[in-house]
């Protein structure tokens, strides 16, 4: 077992169990950029399916889907901002 695999598994499990939020995990792992930590945010499709399908109330399902969509958009916006910053810094050099 490689140390990186152990680190990745530990970080992924902490997020999956809601033991820690992404910002705290970023600090714990020593990452400077949030995008470096976002690789641990992957969700297994079957887990997502069970979570959404397990809800009995259609309003709960819709709320969950809306929250997931907002989370996706926020992640994409953060990533785009970081790329823009990197490009701007590279152009200044």
C-alpha atoms as a PDB file:
ATOM      1  CA  UNK A   1       0.000   0.000   0.000  1.00  0.00           C
ATOM      2  CA  UNK A   2       1.344   3.391  -0.975  1.00  0.00           C
ATOM      3  CA  UNK A   3       1.136   6.373   1.419  1.00  0.00           C
ATOM      4  CA  UNK A   4      -0.832   8.382  -1.147  1.00  0.00           C
ATOM      5  CA  UNK A   5      -3.542   5.701  -1.325  1.00  0.00           C
ATOM      6  CA  UNK A   6      -3.834   5.700   2.466  1.00  0.00           C
ATOM      7  CA  UNK A   7      -4.057   9.515   2.511  1.00  0.00           C
ATOM      8  CA  UNK A   8      -6.659   9.540  -0.268  1.00  0.00           C
ATOM      9  CA  UNK A   9      -8.782   6.853   1.414  1.00  0.00           C
ATOM     10  CA  UNK A  10      -8.629   8.625   4.773  1.00  0.00           C
ATOM     11  CA  UNK A  11      -9.662  11.988   3.284  1.00  0.00           C
ATOM     12  CA  UNK A  12     -12.435  10.486   1.165  1.00  0.00           C
ATOM     13  CA  UNK A  13     -13.897   8.564   4.106  1.00  0.00           C
ATOM     14  CA  UNK A  14     -13.822  11.617   6.380  1.00  0.00           C
ATOM     15  CA  UNK A  15     -15.832  13.577   3.822  1.00  0.00           C
ATOM     16  CA  UNK A  16     -18.194  10.681   3.088  1.00  0.00           C
ATOM     17  CA  UNK A  17     -19.048  10.319   6.790  1.00  0.00           C
ATOM     18  CA  UNK A  18     -19.424  14.112   7.201  1.00  0.00           C
ATOM     19  CA  UNK A  19     -16.653  14.065   9.825  1.00  0.00           C
ATOM     20  CA  UNK A  20     -15.067  17.185   8.335  1.00  0.00           C
ATOM     21  CA  UNK A  21     -15.897  19.898   5.818  1.00  0.00           C
ATOM     22  CA  UNK A  22     -13.880  20.555   2.678  1.00  0.00           C
ATOM     23  CA  UNK A  23     -12.186  23.715   4.016  1.00  0.00           C
ATOM     24  CA  UNK A  24     -10.947  21.985   7.157  1.00  0.00           C
ATOM     25  CA  UNK A  25      -9.773  18.998   5.122  1.00  0.00           C
ATOM     26  CA  UNK A  26      -7.887  21.377   2.832  1.00  0.00           C
ATOM     27  CA  UNK A  27      -6.015  22.757   5.830  1.00  0.00           C
ATOM     28  CA  UNK A  28      -5.435  19.320   7.326  1.00  0.00           C
ATOM     29  CA  UNK A  29      -3.915  18.019   4.100  1.00  0.00           C
ATOM     30  CA  UNK A  30      -1.799  21.144   3.627  1.00  0.00           C
ATOM     31  CA  UNK A  31      -3.337  22.113   0.289  1.00  0.00           C
ATOM     32  CA  UNK A  32      -3.081  25.728  -0.856  1.00  0.00           C
ATOM     33  CA  UNK A  33      -5.822  25.457  -3.476  1.00  0.00           C
ATOM     34  CA  UNK A  34      -9.327  24.157  -2.901  1.00  0.00           C
ATOM     35  CA  UNK A  35      -9.154  22.441  -6.288  1.00  0.00           C
ATOM     36  CA  UNK A  36      -6.419  20.173  -4.913  1.00  0.00           C
ATOM     37  CA  UNK A  37      -8.782  18.999  -2.186  1.00  0.00           C
ATOM     38  CA  UNK A  38     -11.829  18.649  -4.455  1.00  0.00           C
ATOM     39  CA  UNK A  39     -10.530  15.329  -5.798  1.00  0.00           C
ATOM     40  CA  UNK A  40     -11.802  13.817  -2.537  1.00  0.00           C
ATOM     41  CA  UNK A  41     -15.379  14.979  -3.197  1.00  0.00           C
ATOM     42  CA  UNK A  42     -16.262  12.177  -5.586  1.00  0.00           C
ATOM     43  CA  UNK A  43     -19.527  10.440  -4.847  1.00  0.00           C
ATOM     44  CA  UNK A  44     -20.197   6.907  -5.921  1.00  0.00           C
ATOM     45  CA  UNK A  45     -23.227   6.872  -8.243  1.00  0.00           C
ATOM     46  CA  UNK A  46     -24.897   4.036  -6.329  1.00  0.00           C
ATOM     47  CA  UNK A  47     -24.629   5.987  -3.050  1.00  0.00           C
ATOM     48  CA  UNK A  48     -26.216   9.031  -4.661  1.00  0.00           C
ATOM     49  CA  UNK A  49     -28.943   6.900  -6.217  1.00  0.00           C
ATOM     50  CA  UNK A  50     -29.743   5.260  -2.861  1.00  0.00           C
ATOM     51  CA  UNK A  51     -29.872   8.630  -1.130  1.00  0.00           C
ATOM     52  CA  UNK A  52     -32.234  10.165  -3.669  1.00  0.00           C
ATOM     53  CA  UNK A  53     -34.383   7.039  -4.197  1.00  0.00           C
ATOM     54  CA  UNK A  54     -34.650   6.355  -0.466  1.00  0.00           C
ATOM     55  CA  UNK A  55     -36.612   9.537   0.087  1.00  0.00           C
ATOM     56  CA  UNK A  56     -40.356   9.062   0.196  1.00  0.00           C
ATOM     57  CA  UNK A  57     -41.312  12.716  -0.096  1.00  0.00           C
ATOM     58  CA  UNK A  58     -40.993  14.218  -3.587  1.00  0.00           C
ATOM     59  CA  UNK A  59     -40.212  17.635  -2.070  1.00  0.00           C
ATOM     60  CA  UNK A  60     -37.258  16.131  -0.173  1.00  0.00           C
ATOM     61  CA  UNK A  61     -35.992  14.571  -3.390  1.00  0.00           C
ATOM     62  CA  UNK A  62     -36.291  17.874  -5.218  1.00  0.00           C
ATOM     63  CA  UNK A  63     -34.503  19.718  -2.397  1.00  0.00           C
ATOM     64  CA  UNK A  64     -31.667  17.174  -2.443  1.00  0.00           C
ATOM     65  CA  UNK A  65     -31.303  17.449  -6.205  1.00  0.00           C
ATOM     66  CA  UNK A  66     -31.324  21.248  -6.045  1.00  0.00           C
ATOM     67  CA  UNK A  67     -28.677  21.220  -3.306  1.00  0.00           C
ATOM     68  CA  UNK A  68     -26.482  18.862  -5.322  1.00  0.00           C
ATOM     69  CA  UNK A  69     -26.848  21.093  -8.370  1.00  0.00           C
ATOM     70  CA  UNK A  70     -25.938  24.206  -6.362  1.00  0.00           C
ATOM     71  CA  UNK A  71     -22.929  22.389  -4.901  1.00  0.00           C
ATOM     72  CA  UNK A  72     -21.826  21.424  -8.405  1.00  0.00           C
ATOM     73  CA  UNK A  73     -22.169  25.010  -9.659  1.00  0.00           C
ATOM     74  CA  UNK A  74     -20.242  26.397  -6.688  1.00  0.00           C
ATOM     75  CA  UNK A  75     -17.428  23.910  -7.252  1.00  0.00           C
ATOM     76  CA  UNK A  76     -17.241  24.807 -10.936  1.00  0.00           C
ATOM     77  CA  UNK A  77     -17.288  28.543 -10.166  1.00  0.00           C
ATOM     78  CA  UNK A  78     -14.497  28.156  -7.592  1.00  0.00           C
ATOM     79  CA  UNK A  79     -12.424  26.149 -10.027  1.00  0.00           C
ATOM     80  CA  UNK A  80     -12.945  28.719 -12.797  1.00  0.00           C
ATOM     81  CA  UNK A  81     -11.895  31.525 -10.432  1.00  0.00           C
ATOM     82  CA  UNK A  82      -8.723  29.669  -9.486  1.00  0.00           C
ATOM     83  CA  UNK A  83      -7.852  29.028 -13.138  1.00  0.00           C
ATOM     84  CA  UNK A  84      -8.435  32.701 -13.950  1.00  0.00           C
ATOM     85  CA  UNK A  85      -6.157  33.740 -11.075  1.00  0.00           C
ATOM     86  CA  UNK A  86      -3.422  31.357 -12.225  1.00  0.00           C
ATOM     87  CA  UNK A  87      -3.647  32.674 -15.794  1.00  0.00           C
ATOM     88  CA  UNK A  88      -3.570  36.304 -14.644  1.00  0.00           C
ATOM     89  CA  UNK A  89      -0.522  35.619 -12.458  1.00  0.00           C
ATOM     90  CA  UNK A  90       1.221  33.860 -15.336  1.00  0.00           C
ATOM     91  CA  UNK A  91       0.529  36.808 -17.642  1.00  0.00           C
ATOM     92  CA  UNK A  92       2.048  39.233 -15.129  1.00  0.00           C
ATOM     93  CA  UNK A  93       5.340  37.309 -15.056  1.00  0.00           C
END
